[in-house]
N, C-alpha and C. Protein backbone atom coordinates (compact mmCIF):
# COMPACT_ATOMS: atom_id res chain seq x y z
N MET A 1 20.00 -26.20 161.35
CA MET A 1 19.64 -27.25 162.39
C MET A 1 18.08 -27.30 162.31
N ASN A 2 17.57 -28.49 162.36
CA ASN A 2 16.17 -28.81 162.24
C ASN A 2 15.57 -29.86 163.38
N ALA A 3 14.43 -29.41 163.73
CA ALA A 3 13.86 -30.25 164.74
C ALA A 3 12.53 -30.81 164.11
N LEU A 4 12.11 -31.97 164.42
CA LEU A 4 10.78 -32.67 164.11
C LEU A 4 10.10 -32.91 165.37
N ILE A 5 8.82 -32.22 165.42
CA ILE A 5 8.13 -32.32 166.62
C ILE A 5 6.69 -32.98 166.26
N SER A 6 6.37 -34.02 166.95
CA SER A 6 5.04 -34.76 166.82
C SER A 6 4.61 -34.98 168.17
N VAL A 7 3.75 -34.40 168.88
CA VAL A 7 3.46 -34.63 170.29
C VAL A 7 1.90 -34.70 170.50
N SER A 8 1.55 -35.59 171.38
CA SER A 8 0.28 -35.73 172.00
C SER A 8 0.16 -34.69 173.28
N ASP A 9 1.05 -34.82 174.19
CA ASP A 9 1.25 -34.06 175.31
C ASP A 9 1.96 -32.75 175.04
N LYS A 10 1.36 -31.77 175.09
CA LYS A 10 1.91 -30.31 174.64
C LYS A 10 2.25 -29.44 175.93
N THR A 11 2.46 -30.11 177.00
CA THR A 11 2.90 -29.54 178.12
C THR A 11 4.37 -28.98 177.91
N ASN A 12 4.38 -27.62 178.14
CA ASN A 12 5.71 -26.88 178.02
C ASN A 12 6.22 -26.75 176.69
N LEU A 13 5.46 -27.32 175.59
CA LEU A 13 6.02 -27.30 174.24
C LEU A 13 6.29 -26.03 173.61
N ALA A 14 5.41 -25.13 173.77
CA ALA A 14 5.57 -23.71 173.23
C ALA A 14 6.78 -23.11 173.74
N GLU A 15 6.99 -23.17 174.97
CA GLU A 15 8.33 -22.59 175.58
C GLU A 15 9.61 -23.42 175.01
N PHE A 16 9.49 -24.61 175.00
CA PHE A 16 10.63 -25.26 174.34
C PHE A 16 10.84 -24.93 172.99
N ALA A 17 9.82 -25.02 172.02
CA ALA A 17 9.94 -24.62 170.76
C ALA A 17 10.50 -23.27 170.56
N LYS A 18 10.16 -22.35 171.36
CA LYS A 18 10.53 -20.94 171.27
C LYS A 18 12.02 -20.94 171.52
N GLU A 19 12.52 -21.54 172.58
CA GLU A 19 13.93 -21.68 172.80
C GLU A 19 14.67 -22.23 171.68
N LEU A 20 14.23 -23.20 171.10
CA LEU A 20 14.89 -23.77 169.94
C LEU A 20 14.91 -22.75 168.82
N ILE A 21 13.81 -22.10 168.56
CA ILE A 21 13.74 -21.08 167.59
C ILE A 21 14.93 -19.93 167.75
N ASP A 22 14.97 -19.51 169.10
CA ASP A 22 15.90 -18.48 169.52
C ASP A 22 17.41 -19.05 169.37
N LEU A 23 17.55 -20.28 169.40
CA LEU A 23 18.80 -20.88 169.22
C LEU A 23 19.13 -21.15 167.86
N GLY A 24 18.25 -20.94 166.88
CA GLY A 24 18.62 -20.89 165.49
C GLY A 24 17.97 -22.26 164.76
N TRP A 25 17.18 -23.04 165.56
CA TRP A 25 16.69 -24.25 164.96
C TRP A 25 15.43 -23.86 164.13
N ASN A 26 15.17 -24.53 163.19
CA ASN A 26 13.91 -24.60 162.34
C ASN A 26 13.15 -25.83 162.89
N ILE A 27 11.71 -25.62 162.96
CA ILE A 27 10.90 -26.68 163.40
C ILE A 27 9.84 -27.12 162.29
N TYR A 28 9.79 -28.43 162.15
CA TYR A 28 8.96 -29.10 161.44
C TYR A 28 7.96 -29.96 162.16
N ALA A 29 6.80 -29.90 161.96
CA ALA A 29 5.76 -30.62 162.83
C ALA A 29 4.63 -31.16 161.98
N THR A 30 4.05 -32.26 162.66
CA THR A 30 2.72 -32.97 162.17
C THR A 30 1.66 -31.74 162.28
N GLU A 31 0.73 -32.07 161.59
CA GLU A 31 -0.44 -31.11 161.47
C GLU A 31 -0.88 -30.52 162.78
N GLY A 32 -1.29 -31.41 163.82
CA GLY A 32 -1.84 -30.91 164.95
C GLY A 32 -0.91 -30.15 165.77
N THR A 33 0.35 -30.64 165.90
CA THR A 33 1.38 -30.11 166.67
C THR A 33 1.78 -28.61 165.89
N ALA A 34 1.84 -28.64 164.52
CA ALA A 34 2.06 -27.42 163.88
C ALA A 34 1.04 -26.30 164.20
N LYS A 35 -0.17 -26.74 164.24
CA LYS A 35 -1.37 -25.69 164.43
C LYS A 35 -1.09 -25.18 165.99
N TYR A 36 -0.90 -26.03 166.75
CA TYR A 36 -0.58 -25.60 168.15
C TYR A 36 0.58 -24.55 168.37
N LEU A 37 1.62 -25.06 167.60
CA LEU A 37 2.89 -24.08 167.57
C LEU A 37 2.58 -22.74 166.95
N ILE A 38 2.06 -22.75 165.90
CA ILE A 38 1.75 -21.48 165.15
C ILE A 38 0.86 -20.78 165.84
N SER A 39 -0.21 -21.27 166.64
CA SER A 39 -1.16 -20.55 167.37
C SER A 39 -0.47 -19.98 168.53
N ASN A 40 0.64 -20.40 168.88
CA ASN A 40 1.43 -19.77 169.93
C ASN A 40 2.64 -18.83 169.41
N GLY A 41 2.54 -18.39 168.23
CA GLY A 41 3.50 -17.58 167.56
C GLY A 41 4.76 -18.19 167.31
N ILE A 42 4.87 -19.49 167.10
CA ILE A 42 6.19 -20.04 166.84
C ILE A 42 6.20 -20.43 165.28
N PRO A 43 7.24 -19.97 164.64
CA PRO A 43 7.27 -20.37 163.17
C PRO A 43 7.62 -21.79 163.07
N THR A 44 6.73 -22.49 162.26
CA THR A 44 6.79 -23.90 162.13
C THR A 44 6.35 -24.30 160.64
N LYS A 45 7.13 -25.23 160.18
CA LYS A 45 6.93 -25.86 158.78
C LYS A 45 6.14 -27.16 159.17
N ARG A 46 5.26 -27.36 158.23
CA ARG A 46 4.45 -28.66 158.28
C ARG A 46 5.19 -29.79 157.76
N LEU A 47 5.23 -30.92 158.37
CA LEU A 47 5.89 -32.04 157.78
C LEU A 47 5.53 -32.47 156.50
N SER A 48 4.11 -32.22 156.10
CA SER A 48 3.69 -32.45 154.85
C SER A 48 4.44 -31.79 153.69
N GLU A 49 5.23 -30.73 153.98
CA GLU A 49 6.07 -30.04 152.99
C GLU A 49 7.20 -30.90 152.54
N ILE A 50 7.57 -31.95 153.39
CA ILE A 50 8.66 -32.88 153.11
C ILE A 50 8.00 -34.15 152.42
N THR A 51 6.73 -34.51 153.02
CA THR A 51 6.31 -35.91 152.57
C THR A 51 5.46 -35.60 151.27
N GLY A 52 4.76 -34.46 151.08
CA GLY A 52 3.97 -34.15 150.03
C GLY A 52 2.56 -34.91 150.16
N LEU A 53 2.38 -35.57 151.34
CA LEU A 53 1.20 -36.15 151.69
C LEU A 53 0.19 -35.32 152.57
N LYS A 54 -1.14 -35.43 152.19
CA LYS A 54 -2.08 -34.92 153.13
C LYS A 54 -2.18 -35.82 154.16
N GLU A 55 -2.08 -35.13 155.44
CA GLU A 55 -2.05 -35.93 156.83
C GLU A 55 -3.36 -36.59 156.89
N SER A 56 -3.35 -37.88 157.56
CA SER A 56 -4.51 -38.52 158.01
C SER A 56 -4.21 -38.95 159.48
N LYS A 57 -5.09 -39.55 160.19
CA LYS A 57 -4.84 -39.93 161.50
C LYS A 57 -3.92 -41.27 161.41
N GLN A 58 -4.10 -42.05 160.28
CA GLN A 58 -3.28 -43.24 160.16
C GLN A 58 -1.80 -42.93 159.58
N ILE A 59 -1.82 -42.02 158.79
CA ILE A 59 -0.43 -41.71 158.06
C ILE A 59 -0.15 -40.18 158.31
N LYS A 60 1.01 -40.14 159.12
CA LYS A 60 1.42 -38.71 159.31
C LYS A 60 3.05 -38.75 159.00
N THR A 61 3.68 -39.75 159.54
CA THR A 61 5.05 -39.67 159.47
C THR A 61 5.91 -40.75 158.87
N LEU A 62 5.00 -41.86 158.50
CA LEU A 62 5.51 -42.93 157.88
C LEU A 62 5.93 -42.82 156.41
N HIS A 63 7.03 -42.15 156.11
CA HIS A 63 7.41 -41.79 154.87
C HIS A 63 8.91 -41.92 154.74
N PRO A 64 9.36 -42.41 153.53
CA PRO A 64 10.84 -42.56 153.40
C PRO A 64 11.64 -41.25 153.62
N ALA A 65 10.99 -40.19 153.02
CA ALA A 65 11.73 -38.92 153.13
C ALA A 65 11.90 -38.50 154.59
N VAL A 66 11.00 -38.66 155.52
CA VAL A 66 11.24 -38.45 156.76
C VAL A 66 12.26 -39.06 157.58
N PHE A 67 12.33 -40.42 157.30
CA PHE A 67 13.25 -41.36 157.88
C PHE A 67 14.61 -40.97 157.23
N GLU A 68 14.81 -40.75 155.93
CA GLU A 68 16.00 -40.39 155.33
C GLU A 68 16.61 -39.19 156.14
N ARG A 69 15.78 -38.21 156.37
CA ARG A 69 16.24 -36.93 157.11
C ARG A 69 16.58 -37.26 158.55
N ILE A 70 16.01 -38.31 159.12
CA ILE A 70 16.60 -38.54 160.52
C ILE A 70 17.83 -39.24 160.27
N TYR A 71 18.11 -40.13 159.43
CA TYR A 71 19.24 -41.13 159.43
C TYR A 71 20.47 -39.98 158.86
N SER A 72 20.13 -39.08 158.06
CA SER A 72 21.12 -38.29 157.51
C SER A 72 21.65 -37.09 158.43
N GLY A 73 20.81 -37.01 159.65
CA GLY A 73 21.07 -36.02 160.48
C GLY A 73 20.47 -34.56 160.06
N PHE A 74 19.67 -34.45 159.20
CA PHE A 74 18.86 -33.30 158.81
C PHE A 74 18.07 -32.92 160.00
N PHE A 75 17.46 -33.91 160.71
CA PHE A 75 16.66 -33.58 161.87
C PHE A 75 17.62 -33.91 162.93
N GLY A 76 18.14 -32.83 163.76
CA GLY A 76 19.14 -33.05 164.82
C GLY A 76 18.20 -33.34 166.10
N ILE A 77 17.15 -33.01 166.16
CA ILE A 77 16.16 -33.33 167.30
C ILE A 77 14.94 -33.92 166.65
N VAL A 78 14.43 -35.02 167.31
CA VAL A 78 13.12 -35.46 167.18
C VAL A 78 12.21 -35.52 168.57
N VAL A 79 11.32 -34.90 168.60
CA VAL A 79 10.44 -34.72 169.78
C VAL A 79 9.28 -35.52 169.46
N VAL A 80 8.85 -36.61 170.09
CA VAL A 80 7.79 -37.36 170.15
C VAL A 80 7.30 -37.93 171.26
N ASN A 81 5.93 -37.71 171.64
CA ASN A 81 5.28 -38.46 172.70
C ASN A 81 4.09 -39.06 172.18
N LEU A 82 3.75 -40.11 172.68
CA LEU A 82 2.54 -41.03 172.11
C LEU A 82 1.29 -40.85 172.66
N TYR A 83 0.37 -40.78 171.88
CA TYR A 83 -0.94 -40.64 172.47
C TYR A 83 -1.52 -41.91 173.13
N GLU A 84 -2.50 -41.83 174.13
CA GLU A 84 -2.92 -42.96 174.80
C GLU A 84 -3.74 -43.85 173.90
N VAL A 85 -3.58 -45.18 174.27
CA VAL A 85 -4.29 -46.28 173.52
C VAL A 85 -5.44 -46.64 174.37
N ASN A 86 -6.60 -46.33 173.80
CA ASN A 86 -8.00 -46.69 174.29
C ASN A 86 -8.41 -47.97 173.61
N GLU A 87 -8.13 -48.10 172.39
CA GLU A 87 -8.56 -49.28 171.55
C GLU A 87 -7.34 -49.61 170.78
N ILE A 88 -7.20 -50.95 170.40
CA ILE A 88 -6.02 -51.38 169.63
C ILE A 88 -5.82 -50.60 168.24
N GLU A 89 -6.97 -50.24 167.79
CA GLU A 89 -6.94 -49.47 166.63
C GLU A 89 -6.35 -47.98 166.83
N ASP A 90 -6.19 -47.61 168.01
CA ASP A 90 -5.45 -46.39 168.23
C ASP A 90 -3.99 -46.38 168.34
N VAL A 91 -3.39 -47.60 168.29
CA VAL A 91 -1.96 -47.77 168.70
C VAL A 91 -1.02 -46.88 167.65
N ASP A 92 0.01 -46.05 168.31
CA ASP A 92 0.74 -45.17 167.51
C ASP A 92 1.83 -46.00 166.84
N ILE A 93 1.87 -46.08 165.56
CA ILE A 93 2.94 -46.59 164.81
C ILE A 93 3.92 -45.69 164.42
N GLY A 94 3.66 -44.71 163.78
CA GLY A 94 4.56 -43.67 163.17
C GLY A 94 5.39 -43.06 164.30
N GLY A 95 4.78 -42.57 165.41
CA GLY A 95 5.56 -42.01 166.62
C GLY A 95 6.60 -42.85 167.02
N VAL A 96 6.31 -44.14 167.25
CA VAL A 96 7.22 -45.17 167.78
C VAL A 96 8.28 -45.40 166.85
N ALA A 97 7.89 -45.44 165.46
CA ALA A 97 8.93 -45.44 164.46
C ALA A 97 10.02 -44.34 164.44
N LEU A 98 9.36 -43.12 164.62
CA LEU A 98 10.18 -42.17 164.70
C LEU A 98 11.22 -42.07 165.89
N LEU A 99 10.55 -42.29 167.03
CA LEU A 99 11.57 -42.61 168.09
C LEU A 99 12.51 -43.52 168.10
N ARG A 100 12.20 -44.65 167.60
CA ARG A 100 13.34 -45.91 167.19
C ARG A 100 14.25 -45.36 166.35
N ALA A 101 13.93 -44.64 165.24
CA ALA A 101 14.87 -44.30 164.14
C ALA A 101 15.72 -43.29 164.96
N SER A 102 15.29 -42.32 165.72
CA SER A 102 16.13 -41.21 166.31
C SER A 102 17.06 -41.80 167.30
N ALA A 103 16.49 -42.80 168.18
CA ALA A 103 17.32 -43.33 169.32
C ALA A 103 18.32 -44.15 168.54
N LYS A 104 17.91 -44.88 167.61
CA LYS A 104 19.05 -45.65 167.01
C LYS A 104 20.24 -44.81 166.28
N ASN A 105 19.92 -43.51 165.87
CA ASN A 105 20.75 -42.67 165.34
C ASN A 105 21.23 -41.55 166.24
N TYR A 106 21.38 -42.06 167.57
CA TYR A 106 21.59 -41.07 168.56
C TYR A 106 22.75 -40.14 168.59
N GLN A 107 23.75 -40.66 167.72
CA GLN A 107 25.06 -39.98 167.52
C GLN A 107 24.81 -38.68 166.68
N LYS A 108 23.63 -38.63 165.84
CA LYS A 108 23.37 -37.40 165.15
C LYS A 108 22.01 -36.71 165.62
N VAL A 109 21.23 -37.43 166.38
CA VAL A 109 19.86 -37.07 166.52
C VAL A 109 19.62 -37.14 168.06
N LEU A 110 18.96 -35.98 168.61
CA LEU A 110 18.50 -36.22 170.09
C LEU A 110 17.11 -36.64 170.10
N PRO A 111 16.77 -37.84 170.60
CA PRO A 111 15.56 -38.30 170.71
C PRO A 111 14.90 -37.90 172.15
N ILE A 112 13.80 -37.12 171.88
CA ILE A 112 13.22 -36.50 173.20
C ILE A 112 11.77 -36.93 173.28
N CYS A 113 11.30 -37.73 174.38
CA CYS A 113 10.14 -38.25 174.38
C CYS A 113 9.26 -37.75 175.59
N LYS A 114 9.63 -36.91 176.39
CA LYS A 114 9.13 -36.43 177.63
C LYS A 114 9.17 -35.08 177.79
N PRO A 115 8.11 -34.21 178.22
CA PRO A 115 8.50 -32.77 178.41
C PRO A 115 9.34 -32.61 179.58
N SER A 116 9.48 -33.42 180.45
CA SER A 116 10.33 -33.18 181.58
C SER A 116 11.85 -33.08 181.05
N GLN A 117 12.16 -33.54 179.69
CA GLN A 117 13.52 -33.50 179.25
C GLN A 117 13.82 -32.05 178.58
N TYR A 118 12.79 -31.27 178.39
CA TYR A 118 12.96 -30.23 177.63
C TYR A 118 14.00 -29.13 178.12
N LYS A 119 13.92 -28.90 179.42
CA LYS A 119 14.72 -27.87 180.09
C LYS A 119 16.20 -28.37 180.10
N GLU A 120 16.56 -29.60 180.28
CA GLU A 120 17.82 -30.13 180.26
C GLU A 120 18.43 -29.92 178.90
N VAL A 121 17.69 -30.32 177.85
CA VAL A 121 18.19 -30.38 176.46
C VAL A 121 18.40 -28.74 176.06
N ILE A 122 17.57 -27.94 176.47
CA ILE A 122 17.82 -26.57 176.13
C ILE A 122 19.04 -26.09 176.84
N GLY A 123 19.26 -26.38 178.14
CA GLY A 123 20.53 -26.11 178.80
C GLY A 123 21.76 -26.68 178.17
N LYS A 124 21.65 -27.86 177.75
CA LYS A 124 22.87 -28.46 177.03
C LYS A 124 23.02 -27.77 175.81
N LEU A 125 21.94 -27.49 175.02
CA LEU A 125 22.17 -26.69 173.70
C LEU A 125 22.88 -25.32 173.93
N LYS A 126 22.38 -24.75 174.87
CA LYS A 126 22.88 -23.35 175.25
C LYS A 126 24.33 -23.31 175.69
N SER A 127 24.74 -24.43 176.34
CA SER A 127 26.22 -24.51 176.92
C SER A 127 27.06 -25.31 175.98
N ASP A 128 26.43 -25.68 174.84
CA ASP A 128 27.30 -26.59 173.88
C ASP A 128 27.94 -27.66 174.70
N SER A 129 27.08 -28.36 175.62
CA SER A 129 27.69 -29.53 176.33
C SER A 129 26.96 -30.70 176.09
N ILE A 130 26.63 -31.02 174.84
CA ILE A 130 25.88 -32.24 174.58
C ILE A 130 26.99 -33.25 174.15
N ASP A 131 27.15 -34.35 175.03
CA ASP A 131 28.26 -35.18 174.86
C ASP A 131 27.54 -36.60 174.50
N GLU A 132 28.53 -37.57 174.25
CA GLU A 132 27.98 -38.96 173.93
C GLU A 132 27.11 -39.47 175.03
N ASP A 133 27.33 -39.43 176.36
CA ASP A 133 26.82 -39.89 177.44
C ASP A 133 25.36 -39.46 177.33
N PHE A 134 25.03 -38.00 177.17
CA PHE A 134 23.78 -37.48 177.24
C PHE A 134 23.04 -37.99 176.15
N ARG A 135 23.75 -38.24 175.00
CA ARG A 135 22.98 -38.69 173.68
C ARG A 135 22.46 -40.11 174.02
N ILE A 136 23.25 -40.97 174.57
CA ILE A 136 22.94 -42.24 174.95
C ILE A 136 21.93 -42.40 175.90
N ARG A 137 22.02 -41.44 177.02
CA ARG A 137 20.90 -41.41 177.93
C ARG A 137 19.52 -41.13 177.27
N LEU A 138 19.54 -40.25 176.26
CA LEU A 138 18.28 -39.94 175.73
C LEU A 138 17.72 -41.04 174.98
N ALA A 139 18.76 -41.74 174.24
CA ALA A 139 18.33 -42.97 173.48
C ALA A 139 17.77 -44.04 174.34
N ILE A 140 18.47 -44.30 175.45
CA ILE A 140 17.88 -45.28 176.45
C ILE A 140 16.45 -44.86 176.92
N GLU A 141 16.30 -43.60 177.31
CA GLU A 141 15.06 -43.18 177.71
C GLU A 141 13.90 -43.38 176.61
N ALA A 142 14.32 -43.13 175.34
CA ALA A 142 13.26 -43.20 174.30
C ALA A 142 13.05 -44.69 174.17
N PHE A 143 14.05 -45.60 174.17
CA PHE A 143 13.64 -47.08 174.18
C PHE A 143 12.82 -47.57 175.24
N GLU A 144 13.13 -47.06 176.40
CA GLU A 144 12.28 -47.51 177.75
C GLU A 144 10.91 -46.92 177.47
N TYR A 145 10.78 -45.69 177.04
CA TYR A 145 9.52 -45.14 176.78
C TYR A 145 8.64 -46.04 175.72
N ILE A 146 9.25 -46.56 174.83
CA ILE A 146 8.68 -47.44 173.74
C ILE A 146 8.22 -48.80 174.49
N VAL A 147 9.14 -49.25 175.08
CA VAL A 147 8.78 -50.55 175.90
C VAL A 147 7.70 -50.45 176.84
N GLU A 148 7.52 -49.25 177.43
CA GLU A 148 6.31 -49.05 178.43
C GLU A 148 5.08 -48.94 177.71
N TYR A 149 5.14 -48.19 176.51
CA TYR A 149 4.01 -48.01 175.51
C TYR A 149 3.58 -49.41 174.92
N ASP A 150 4.51 -50.27 174.56
CA ASP A 150 4.32 -51.47 174.02
C ASP A 150 3.62 -52.42 175.15
N SER A 151 4.21 -52.30 176.34
CA SER A 151 3.64 -53.10 177.54
C SER A 151 2.18 -52.80 177.77
N LYS A 152 1.85 -51.51 177.80
CA LYS A 152 0.32 -51.11 178.02
C LYS A 152 -0.53 -51.75 176.77
N ILE A 153 0.05 -51.78 175.59
CA ILE A 153 -0.75 -52.35 174.55
C ILE A 153 -0.99 -53.85 174.71
N ILE A 154 0.04 -54.52 175.13
CA ILE A 154 0.07 -55.87 175.45
C ILE A 154 -0.95 -56.24 176.39
N GLU A 155 -0.90 -55.43 177.45
CA GLU A 155 -1.88 -55.66 178.73
C GLU A 155 -3.38 -55.44 178.02
N LYS A 156 -3.61 -54.47 177.30
CA LYS A 156 -4.80 -54.24 176.75
C LYS A 156 -5.42 -55.43 175.74
N LEU A 157 -4.43 -56.07 175.05
CA LEU A 157 -4.80 -57.21 174.26
C LEU A 157 -5.02 -58.44 175.22
N ARG A 158 -4.28 -58.60 176.21
CA ARG A 158 -4.52 -59.66 177.20
C ARG A 158 -5.89 -59.71 177.79
N ARG A 159 -6.28 -58.54 178.11
CA ARG A 159 -7.58 -58.35 178.79
C ARG A 159 -8.77 -58.75 177.88
N LYS A 160 -8.48 -58.76 176.48
CA LYS A 160 -9.45 -59.18 175.60
C LYS A 160 -9.50 -60.81 175.64
N ILE A 161 -8.59 -61.50 176.09
CA ILE A 161 -8.60 -62.81 176.24
C ILE A 161 -9.04 -63.08 177.76
N ARG A 162 -10.17 -63.83 177.81
CA ARG A 162 -10.80 -64.03 179.13
C ARG A 162 -9.81 -64.86 180.28
N ASN A 163 -9.12 -65.87 179.76
CA ASN A 163 -8.39 -66.61 180.79
C ASN A 163 -6.86 -66.38 180.96
N ILE A 164 -6.41 -65.16 180.63
CA ILE A 164 -5.06 -64.88 180.75
C ILE A 164 -4.92 -63.84 181.96
C-alpha cells in the first residue's frame, strides 16, 4: 500500500503520515513534503525515485509514471493541498491534476485534500470500514476543492481587467 503526499499546508501531516506508516503504508512525497516528513522521523521515498526527474517549482508531479500509478491503484491514497495563488504564475497545475486523477479513480484511490480529513481517514483505515460512499464523498470534496481553487484564480484574473 502506497500513499503519495504533496502538500503546502502541513497541519497535522506528521501525525497522519506516522499513522499511515504504522498501518503498513509506504509514503512517497514531493521534495518539500519529503524533507518535512523525514525531518519528523517518518520514512519517506521521494517521488523523483519514480519520475527520475530533478524536481523544480514548475515540474514536480506531471509525469506519466505518476499518473499510471494513480490509475493502476499503486497509490491507494493521494494527499494534495494546493498552495495559495498570489500571481497567475503561481497557479498549481500538478497538484490539481493529481487530485483530479485520484478523485476520478476514487474506487481505487482515496483523494485527500484537507488536513481536517486525516483523522477520519485513519479511523476508517484502522476499522477497515472504507466503503463506496466514503470514497465518493472524498472524491466530491476533492472536486469541490478544485472548483474553489479555480474560482480564486478566475477572480484574480478578473481583477486584472478594469471593467469587470
